Amino acid sequence: MLFLVGAANRDDRRYPDPDRFDIHRNIGQHLTFGYGVHFCLGAALARLEGRVALDEVLQRFPEWDVDWTRAKLAPTSTVRGWETLPVHTP
């Protein structure tokens, strides 16, 4: 058995069209930082760091495109994301 955090909040029995990215989806209890006694102590800091980093990148590069021909998904079951995701500015 393998628990994939990337699969959280994508249950088709609970959410209509679960594979569609919807920023307005009401998910109730989010699992990103755990739950209850197992809730991440660094969650607030991680959110703040993520927001600061994203704000800085978007201020510096307000327009950019992904080079999908060179993008490569990570080949492992434990990393759900991109191994490489090259971007370029117009």
PDB file of N, CA and C in Angstrom:
ATOM      1  N   MET A   1       0.839  -1.155   0.000  1.00  0.00           N
ATOM      2  CA  MET A   1       0.000   0.000   0.000  1.00  0.00           C
ATOM      3  C   MET A   1       0.893   1.229   0.000  1.00  0.00           C
ATOM      4  N   LEU A   2       0.474   2.252  -0.746  1.00  0.00           N
ATOM      5  CA  LEU A   2       1.244   3.484  -0.834  1.00  0.00           C
ATOM      6  C   LEU A   2       0.299   4.661  -0.695  1.00  0.00           C
ATOM      7  N   PHE A   3       0.600   5.542   0.234  1.00  0.00           N
ATOM      8  CA  PHE A   3      -0.205   6.735   0.450  1.00  0.00           C
ATOM      9  C   PHE A   3       0.375   7.861  -0.389  1.00  0.00           C
ATOM     10  N   LEU A   4      -0.405   8.404  -1.302  1.00  0.00           N
ATOM     11  CA  LEU A   4       0.044   9.500  -2.149  1.00  0.00           C
ATOM     12  C   LEU A   4      -0.685  10.776  -1.749  1.00  0.00           C
ATOM     13  N   VAL A   5       0.047  11.723  -1.195  1.00  0.00           N
ATOM     14  CA  VAL A   5      -0.564  12.983  -0.810  1.00  0.00           C
ATOM     15  C   VAL A   5      -1.122  13.699  -2.035  1.00  0.00           C
ATOM     16  N   GLY A   6      -0.479  13.532  -3.181  1.00  0.00           N
ATOM     17  CA  GLY A   6      -0.950  14.164  -4.407  1.00  0.00           C
ATOM     18  C   GLY A   6      -2.323  13.669  -4.841  1.00  0.00           C
ATOM     19  N   ALA A   7      -2.779  12.556  -4.289  1.00  0.00           N
ATOM     20  CA  ALA A   7      -4.090  12.026  -4.626  1.00  0.00           C
ATOM     21  C   ALA A   7      -5.166  12.556  -3.688  1.00  0.00           C
ATOM     22  N   ALA A   8      -4.780  13.290  -2.665  1.00  0.00           N
ATOM     23  CA  ALA A   8      -5.742  13.807  -1.698  1.00  0.00           C
ATOM     24  C   ALA A   8      -6.704  14.788  -2.354  1.00  0.00           C
ATOM     25  N   ASN A   9      -7.930  14.782  -1.871  1.00  0.00           N
ATOM     26  CA  ASN A   9      -8.982  15.687  -2.341  1.00  0.00           C
ATOM     27  C   ASN A   9      -9.321  15.486  -3.818  1.00  0.00           C
ATOM     28  N   ARG A  10      -9.175  14.256  -4.291  1.00  0.00           N
ATOM     29  CA  ARG A  10      -9.518  13.942  -5.676  1.00  0.00           C
ATOM     30  C   ARG A  10     -10.449  12.736  -5.730  1.00  0.00           C
ATOM     31  N   ASP A  11     -11.270  12.576  -4.720  1.00  0.00           N
ATOM     32  CA  ASP A  11     -12.197  11.446  -4.643  1.00  0.00           C
ATOM     33  C   ASP A  11     -13.453  11.761  -5.447  1.00  0.00           C
ATOM     34  N   ASP A  12     -13.693  10.997  -6.507  1.00  0.00           N
ATOM     35  CA  ASP A  12     -14.850  11.274  -7.359  1.00  0.00           C
ATOM     36  C   ASP A  12     -16.179  10.996  -6.659  1.00  0.00           C
ATOM     37  N   ARG A  13     -16.144  10.298  -5.523  1.00  0.00           N
ATOM     38  CA  ARG A  13     -17.380  10.095  -4.757  1.00  0.00           C
ATOM     39  C   ARG A  13     -17.740  11.343  -3.949  1.00  0.00           C
ATOM     40  N   ARG A  14     -16.785  12.229  -3.776  1.00  0.00           N
ATOM     41  CA  ARG A  14     -17.015  13.436  -2.979  1.00  0.00           C
ATOM     42  C   ARG A  14     -17.001  14.724  -3.799  1.00  0.00           C
ATOM     43  N   TYR A  15     -16.170  14.765  -4.848  1.00  0.00           N
ATOM     44  CA  TYR A  15     -16.017  15.989  -5.632  1.00  0.00           C
ATOM     45  C   TYR A  15     -16.407  15.743  -7.084  1.00  0.00           C
ATOM     46  N   PRO A  16     -17.248  16.619  -7.640  1.00  0.00           N
ATOM     47  CA  PRO A  16     -17.530  16.486  -9.069  1.00  0.00           C
ATOM     48  C   PRO A  16     -16.285  16.872  -9.867  1.00  0.00           C
ATOM     49  N   ASP A  17     -15.996  16.114 -10.896  1.00  0.00           N
ATOM     50  CA  ASP A  17     -14.832  16.375 -11.760  1.00  0.00           C
ATOM     51  C   ASP A  17     -13.551  16.556 -10.937  1.00  0.00           C
ATOM     52  N   PRO A  18     -13.141  15.524 -10.180  1.00  0.00           N
ATOM     53  CA  PRO A  18     -12.044  15.658  -9.221  1.00  0.00           C
ATOM     54  C   PRO A  18     -10.672  15.919  -9.848  1.00  0.00           C
ATOM     55  N   ASP A  19     -10.479  15.575 -11.116  1.00  0.00           N
ATOM     56  CA  ASP A  19      -9.174  15.777 -11.743  1.00  0.00           C
ATOM     57  C   ASP A  19      -8.995  17.185 -12.309  1.00  0.00           C
ATOM     58  N   ARG A  20     -10.056  17.975 -12.305  1.00  0.00           N
ATOM     59  CA  ARG A  20      -9.969  19.354 -12.800  1.00  0.00           C
ATOM     60  C   ARG A  20      -9.459  20.256 -11.675  1.00  0.00           C
ATOM     61  N   PHE A  21      -8.480  21.100 -11.987  1.00  0.00           N
ATOM     62  CA  PHE A  21      -7.962  22.055 -11.003  1.00  0.00           C
ATOM     63  C   PHE A  21      -8.981  23.165 -10.818  1.00  0.00           C
ATOM     64  N   ASP A  22      -9.501  23.305  -9.607  1.00  0.00           N
ATOM     65  CA  ASP A  22     -10.545  24.284  -9.319  1.00  0.00           C
ATOM     66  C   ASP A  22     -10.183  25.021  -8.034  1.00  0.00           C
ATOM     67  N   ILE A  23      -9.751  26.275  -8.147  1.00  0.00           N
ATOM     68  CA  ILE A  23      -9.331  27.009  -6.955  1.00  0.00           C
ATOM     69  C   ILE A  23     -10.507  27.359  -6.057  1.00  0.00           C
ATOM     70  N   HIS A  24     -11.727  27.228  -6.551  1.00  0.00           N
ATOM     71  CA  HIS A  24     -12.910  27.547  -5.753  1.00  0.00           C
ATOM     72  C   HIS A  24     -13.542  26.311  -5.107  1.00  0.00           C
ATOM     73  N   ARG A  25     -12.939  25.147  -5.291  1.00  0.00           N
ATOM     74  CA  ARG A  25     -13.491  23.919  -4.721  1.00  0.00           C
ATOM     75  C   ARG A  25     -13.482  24.003  -3.192  1.00  0.00           C
ATOM     76  N   ASN A  26     -14.595  23.688  -2.582  1.00  0.00           N
ATOM     77  CA  ASN A  26     -14.687  23.662  -1.122  1.00  0.00           C
ATOM     78  C   ASN A  26     -14.248  22.279  -0.659  1.00  0.00           C
ATOM     79  N   ILE A  27     -13.028  22.199  -0.136  1.00  0.00           N
ATOM     80  CA  ILE A  27     -12.486  20.890   0.223  1.00  0.00           C
ATOM     81  C   ILE A  27     -12.648  20.555   1.696  1.00  0.00           C
ATOM     82  N   GLY A  28     -13.073  21.538   2.501  1.00  0.00           N
ATOM     83  CA  GLY A  28     -13.240  21.255   3.925  1.00  0.00           C
ATOM     84  C   GLY A  28     -11.894  21.035   4.594  1.00  0.00           C
ATOM     85  N   GLN A  29     -11.597  19.827   4.970  1.00  0.00           N
ATOM     86  CA  GLN A  29     -10.342  19.494   5.657  1.00  0.00           C
ATOM     87  C   GLN A  29      -9.259  19.161   4.642  1.00  0.00           C
ATOM     88  N   HIS A  30      -8.253  20.022   4.518  1.00  0.00           N
ATOM     89  CA  HIS A  30      -7.159  19.804   3.577  1.00  0.00           C
ATOM     90  C   HIS A  30      -6.091  18.935   4.235  1.00  0.00           C
ATOM     91  N   LEU A  31      -5.453  18.068   3.473  1.00  0.00           N
ATOM     92  CA  LEU A  31      -4.502  17.116   4.031  1.00  0.00           C
ATOM     93  C   LEU A  31      -3.040  17.475   3.810  1.00  0.00           C
ATOM     94  N   THR A  32      -2.764  18.620   3.214  1.00  0.00           N
ATOM     95  CA  THR A  32      -1.396  18.974   2.865  1.00  0.00           C
ATOM     96  C   THR A  32      -0.444  18.921   4.050  1.00  0.00           C
ATOM     97  N   PHE A  33      -0.844  19.475   5.184  1.00  0.00           N
ATOM     98  CA  PHE A  33       0.034  19.532   6.350  1.00  0.00           C
ATOM     99  C   PHE A  33      -0.373  18.553   7.437  1.00  0.00           C
ATOM    100  N   GLY A  34      -1.132  17.538   7.093  1.00  0.00           N
ATOM    101  CA  GLY A  34      -1.541  16.545   8.067  1.00  0.00           C
ATOM    102  C   GLY A  34      -2.847  16.922   8.737  1.00  0.00           C
ATOM    103  N   TYR A  35      -3.122  16.244   9.859  1.00  0.00           N
ATOM    104  CA  TYR A  35      -4.400  16.457  10.535  1.00  0.00           C
ATOM    105  C   TYR A  35      -4.261  16.113  12.011  1.00  0.00           C
ATOM    106  N   GLY A  36      -4.934  16.860  12.851  1.00  0.00           N
ATOM    107  CA  GLY A  36      -4.974  16.553  14.289  1.00  0.00           C
ATOM    108  C   GLY A  36      -3.612  16.630  14.940  1.00  0.00           C
ATOM    109  N   VAL A  37      -3.279  15.615  15.757  1.00  0.00           N
ATOM    110  CA  VAL A  37      -2.001  15.621  16.477  1.00  0.00           C
ATOM    111  C   VAL A  37      -0.814  15.496  15.521  1.00  0.00           C
ATOM    112  N   HIS A  38      -1.079  15.098  14.301  1.00  0.00           N
ATOM    113  CA  HIS A  38      -0.005  14.943  13.319  1.00  0.00           C
ATOM    114  C   HIS A  38       0.118  16.165  12.411  1.00  0.00           C
ATOM    115  N   PHE A  39      -0.531  17.274  12.775  1.00  0.00           N
ATOM    116  CA  PHE A  39      -0.459  18.484  11.971  1.00  0.00           C
ATOM    117  C   PHE A  39       0.959  19.049  12.016  1.00  0.00           C
ATOM    118  N   CYS A  40       1.450  19.489  10.890  1.00  0.00           N
ATOM    119  CA  CYS A  40       2.817  19.978  10.744  1.00  0.00           C
ATOM    120  C   CYS A  40       3.056  21.243  11.572  1.00  0.00           C
ATOM    121  N   LEU A  41       4.074  21.206  12.426  1.00  0.00           N
ATOM    122  CA  LEU A  41       4.412  22.366  13.245  1.00  0.00           C
ATOM    123  C   LEU A  41       4.919  23.533  12.403  1.00  0.00           C
ATOM    124  N   GLY A  42       5.481  23.254  11.254  1.00  0.00           N
ATOM    125  CA  GLY A  42       6.031  24.295  10.393  1.00  0.00           C
ATOM    126  C   GLY A  42       5.077  24.776   9.312  1.00  0.00           C
ATOM    127  N   ALA A  43       3.798  24.431   9.394  1.00  0.00           N
ATOM    128  CA  ALA A  43       2.842  24.764   8.342  1.00  0.00           C
ATOM    129  C   ALA A  43       2.759  26.267   8.084  1.00  0.00           C
ATOM    130  N   ALA A  44       2.677  27.072   9.138  1.00  0.00           N
ATOM    131  CA  ALA A  44       2.566  28.526   8.961  1.00  0.00           C
ATOM    132  C   ALA A  44       3.810  29.081   8.281  1.00  0.00           C
ATOM    133  N   LEU A  45       4.978  28.621   8.708  1.00  0.00           N
ATOM    134  CA  LEU A  45       6.228  29.080   8.097  1.00  0.00           C
ATOM    135  C   LEU A  45       6.307  28.633   6.636  1.00  0.00           C
ATOM    136  N   ALA A  46       5.918  27.410   6.346  1.00  0.00           N
ATOM    137  CA  ALA A  46       5.949  26.904   4.964  1.00  0.00           C
ATOM    138  C   ALA A  46       5.025  27.719   4.065  1.00  0.00           C
ATOM    139  N   ARG A  47       3.836  28.067   4.570  1.00  0.00           N
ATOM    140  CA  ARG A  47       2.910  28.889   3.780  1.00  0.00           C
ATOM    141  C   ARG A  47       3.489  30.278   3.526  1.00  0.00           C
ATOM    142  N   LEU A  48       4.079  30.865   4.556  1.00  0.00           N
ATOM    143  CA  LEU A  48       4.670  32.194   4.414  1.00  0.00           C
ATOM    144  C   LEU A  48       5.838  32.171   3.431  1.00  0.00           C
ATOM    145  N   GLU A  49       6.725  31.181   3.556  1.00  0.00           N
ATOM    146  CA  GLU A  49       7.853  31.068   2.636  1.00  0.00           C
ATOM    147  C   GLU A  49       7.386  30.874   1.201  1.00  0.00           C
ATOM    148  N   GLY A  50       6.384  30.040   1.016  1.00  0.00           N
ATOM    149  CA  GLY A  50       5.850  29.801  -0.328  1.00  0.00           C
ATOM    150  C   GLY A  50       5.259  31.062  -0.930  1.00  0.00           C
ATOM    151  N   ARG A  51       4.528  31.804  -0.111  1.00  0.00           N
ATOM    152  CA  ARG A  51       3.915  33.038  -0.610  1.00  0.00           C
ATOM    153  C   ARG A  51       4.979  34.064  -0.975  1.00  0.00           C
ATOM    154  N   VAL A  52       5.974  34.251  -0.116  1.00  0.00           N
ATOM    155  CA  VAL A  52       7.042  35.217  -0.392  1.00  0.00           C
ATOM    156  C   VAL A  52       7.801  34.819  -1.658  1.00  0.00           C
ATOM    157  N   ALA A  53       8.163  33.543  -1.764  1.00  0.00           N
ATOM    158  CA  ALA A  53       8.911  33.083  -2.937  1.00  0.00           C
ATOM    159  C   ALA A  53       8.104  33.274  -4.220  1.00  0.00           C
ATOM    160  N   LEU A  54       6.840  32.891  -4.199  1.00  0.00           N
ATOM    161  CA  LEU A  54       6.005  33.032  -5.391  1.00  0.00           C
ATOM    162  C   LEU A  54       5.806  34.503  -5.753  1.00  0.00           C
ATOM    163  N   ASP A  55       5.559  35.363  -4.760  1.00  0.00           N
ATOM    164  CA  ASP A  55       5.419  36.801  -5.031  1.00  0.00           C
ATOM    165  C   ASP A  55       6.674  37.373  -5.685  1.00  0.00           C
ATOM    166  N   GLU A  56       7.842  36.998  -5.163  1.00  0.00           N
ATOM    167  CA  GLU A  56       9.102  37.516  -5.709  1.00  0.00           C
ATOM    168  C   GLU A  56       9.341  37.040  -7.142  1.00  0.00           C
ATOM    169  N   VAL A  57       9.087  35.773  -7.398  1.00  0.00           N
ATOM    170  CA  VAL A  57       9.283  35.238  -8.754  1.00  0.00           C
ATOM    171  C   VAL A  57       8.326  35.905  -9.738  1.00  0.00           C
ATOM    172  N   LEU A  58       7.054  36.057  -9.339  1.00  0.00           N
ATOM    173  CA  LEU A  58       6.072  36.654 -10.253  1.00  0.00           C
ATOM    174  C   LEU A  58       6.301  38.145 -10.448  1.00  0.00           C
ATOM    175  N   GLN A  59       6.867  38.834  -9.458  1.00  0.00           N
ATOM    176  CA  GLN A  59       7.208  40.244  -9.652  1.00  0.00           C
ATOM    177  C   GLN A  59       8.355  40.380 -10.655  1.00  0.00           C
ATOM    178  N   ARG A  60       9.323  39.506 -10.526  1.00  0.00           N
ATOM    179  CA  ARG A  60      10.492  39.577 -11.420  1.00  0.00           C
ATOM    180  C   ARG A  60      10.168  39.090 -12.821  1.00  0.00           C
ATOM    181  N   PHE A  61       9.335  38.064 -12.918  1.00  0.00           N
ATOM    182  CA  PHE A  61       8.974  37.474 -14.212  1.00  0.00           C
ATOM    183  C   PHE A  61       7.451  37.433 -14.341  1.00  0.00           C
ATOM    184  N   PRO A  62       6.807  38.575 -14.628  1.00  0.00           N
ATOM    185  CA  PRO A  62       5.342  38.599 -14.691  1.00  0.00           C
ATOM    186  C   PRO A  62       4.770  37.830 -15.891  1.00  0.00           C
ATOM    187  N   GLU A  63       5.582  37.651 -16.923  1.00  0.00           N
ATOM    188  CA  GLU A  63       5.133  36.885 -18.097  1.00  0.00           C
ATOM    189  C   GLU A  63       6.154  35.806 -18.393  1.00  0.00           C
ATOM    190  N   TRP A  64       5.679  34.566 -18.520  1.00  0.00           N
ATOM    191  CA  TRP A  64       6.553  33.442 -18.815  1.00  0.00           C
ATOM    192  C   TRP A  64       5.738  32.305 -19.395  1.00  0.00           C
ATOM    193  N   ASP A  65       6.419  31.409 -20.063  1.00  0.00           N
ATOM    194  CA  ASP A  65       5.789  30.226 -20.664  1.00  0.00           C
ATOM    195  C   ASP A  65       6.617  28.993 -20.330  1.00  0.00           C
ATOM    196  N   VAL A  66       5.961  27.859 -20.224  1.00  0.00           N
ATOM    197  CA  VAL A  66       6.638  26.591 -19.978  1.00  0.00           C
ATOM    198  C   VAL A  66       7.077  25.995 -21.310  1.00  0.00           C
ATOM    199  N   ASP A  67       8.289  25.489 -21.347  1.00  0.00           N
ATOM    200  CA  ASP A  67       8.801  24.789 -22.531  1.00  0.00           C
ATOM    201  C   ASP A  67       8.389  23.322 -22.394  1.00  0.00           C
ATOM    202  N   TRP A  68       7.176  23.006 -22.848  1.00  0.00           N
ATOM    203  CA  TRP A  68       6.614  21.662 -22.652  1.00  0.00           C
ATOM    204  C   TRP A  68       7.402  20.578 -23.379  1.00  0.00           C
ATOM    205  N   THR A  69       8.149  20.933 -24.425  1.00  0.00           N
ATOM    206  CA  THR A  69       8.914  19.926 -25.153  1.00  0.00           C
ATOM    207  C   THR A  69      10.067  19.384 -24.315  1.00  0.00           C
ATOM    208  N   ARG A  70      10.555  20.173 -23.351  1.00  0.00           N
ATOM    209  CA  ARG A  70      11.660  19.726 -22.498  1.00  0.00           C
ATOM    210  C   ARG A  70      11.217  19.406 -21.072  1.00  0.00           C
ATOM    211  N   ALA A  71       9.936  19.574 -20.757  1.00  0.00           N
ATOM    212  CA  ALA A  71       9.429  19.268 -19.422  1.00  0.00           C
ATOM    213  C   ALA A  71       9.412  17.756 -19.212  1.00  0.00           C
ATOM    214  N   LYS A  72       9.731  17.329 -17.991  1.00  0.00           N
ATOM    215  CA  LYS A  72       9.795  15.893 -17.706  1.00  0.00           C
ATOM    216  C   LYS A  72       9.236  15.621 -16.315  1.00  0.00           C
ATOM    217  N   LEU A  73       8.262  14.707 -16.248  1.00  0.00           N
ATOM    218  CA  LEU A  73       7.689  14.324 -14.960  1.00  0.00           C
ATOM    219  C   LEU A  73       8.681  13.478 -14.164  1.00  0.00           C
ATOM    220  N   ALA A  74       8.633  13.596 -12.850  1.00  0.00           N
ATOM    221  CA  ALA A  74       9.485  12.774 -11.989  1.00  0.00           C
ATOM    222  C   ALA A  74       9.074  11.309 -12.143  1.00  0.00           C
ATOM    223  N   PRO A  75      10.036  10.396 -12.258  1.00  0.00           N
ATOM    224  CA  PRO A  75       9.722   8.997 -12.535  1.00  0.00           C
ATOM    225  C   PRO A  75       9.398   8.158 -11.295  1.00  0.00           C
ATOM    226  N   THR A  76       9.262   8.762 -10.131  1.00  0.00           N
ATOM    227  CA  THR A  76       9.028   7.975  -8.920  1.00  0.00           C
ATOM    228  C   THR A  76       7.585   8.080  -8.460  1.00  0.00           C
ATOM    229  N   SER A  77       7.169   7.129  -7.642  1.00  0.00           N
ATOM    230  CA  SER A  77       5.812   7.168  -7.093  1.00  0.00           C
ATOM    231  C   SER A  77       5.742   8.048  -5.856  1.00  0.00           C
ATOM    232  N   THR A  78       6.879   8.438  -5.302  1.00  0.00           N
ATOM    233  CA  THR A  78       6.875   9.257  -4.095  1.00  0.00           C
ATOM    234  C   THR A  78       6.943  10.748  -4.386  1.00  0.00           C
ATOM    235  N   VAL A  79       7.311  11.125  -5.604  1.00  0.00           N
ATOM    236  CA  VAL A  79       7.368  12.533  -5.988  1.00  0.00           C
ATOM    237  C   VAL A  79       6.348  12.759  -7.087  1.00  0.00           C
ATOM    238  N   ARG A  80       5.306  13.523  -6.761  1.00  0.00           N
ATOM    239  CA  ARG A  80       4.313  13.870  -7.780  1.00  0.00           C
ATOM    240  C   ARG A  80       4.616  15.274  -8.242  1.00  0.00           C
ATOM    241  N   GLY A  81       5.280  15.381  -9.339  1.00  0.00           N
ATOM    242  CA  GLY A  81       5.642  16.692  -9.848  1.00  0.00           C
ATOM    243  C   GLY A  81       6.634  16.574 -10.976  1.00  0.00           C
ATOM    244  N   TRP A  82       7.285  17.659 -11.231  1.00  0.00           N
ATOM    245  CA  TRP A  82       8.192  17.742 -12.367  1.00  0.00           C
ATOM    246  C   TRP A  82       9.628  17.534 -11.942  1.00  0.00           C
ATOM    247  N   GLU A  83      10.321  16.707 -12.689  1.00  0.00           N
ATOM    248  CA  GLU A  83      11.762  16.566 -12.494  1.00  0.00           C
ATOM    249  C   GLU A  83      12.453  17.780 -13.102  1.00  0.00           C
ATOM    250  N   THR A  84      11.996  18.169 -14.283  1.00  0.00           N
ATOM    251  CA  THR A  84      12.458  19.409 -14.915  1.00  0.00           C
ATOM    252  C   THR A  84      11.241  20.114 -15.502  1.00  0.00           C
ATOM    253  N   LEU A  85      11.197  21.421 -15.325  1.00  0.00           N
ATOM    254  CA  LEU A  85      10.121  22.227 -15.884  1.00  0.00           C
ATOM    255  C   LEU A  85      10.713  23.553 -16.362  1.00  0.00           C
ATOM    256  N   PRO A  86      11.377  23.519 -17.514  1.00  0.00           N
ATOM    257  CA  PRO A  86      12.017  24.737 -18.013  1.00  0.00           C
ATOM    258  C   PRO A  86      10.973  25.776 -18.450  1.00  0.00           C
ATOM    259  N   VAL A  87      11.260  27.013 -18.098  1.00  0.00           N
ATOM    260  CA  VAL A  87      10.382  28.121 -18.494  1.00  0.00           C
ATOM    261  C   VAL A  87      11.227  29.168 -19.217  1.00  0.00           C
ATOM    262  N   HIS A  88      10.560  29.993 -19.987  1.00  0.00           N
ATOM    263  CA  HIS A  88      11.244  31.089 -20.666  1.00  0.00           C
ATOM    264  C   HIS A  88      10.344  32.310 -20.660  1.00  0.00           C
ATOM    265  N   THR A  89      10.955  33.481 -20.706  1.00  0.00           N
ATOM    266  CA  THR A  89      10.189  34.723 -20.746  1.00  0.00           C
ATOM    267  C   THR A  89      10.075  35.169 -22.189  1.00  0.00           C
ATOM    268  N   PRO A  90       8.936  35.740 -22.528  1.00  0.00           N
ATOM    269  CA  PRO A  90       8.740  36.183 -23.939  1.00  0.00           C
ATOM    270  C   PRO A  90       9.637  37.355 -24.296  1.00  0.00           C
TER     271      PRO A  90
END
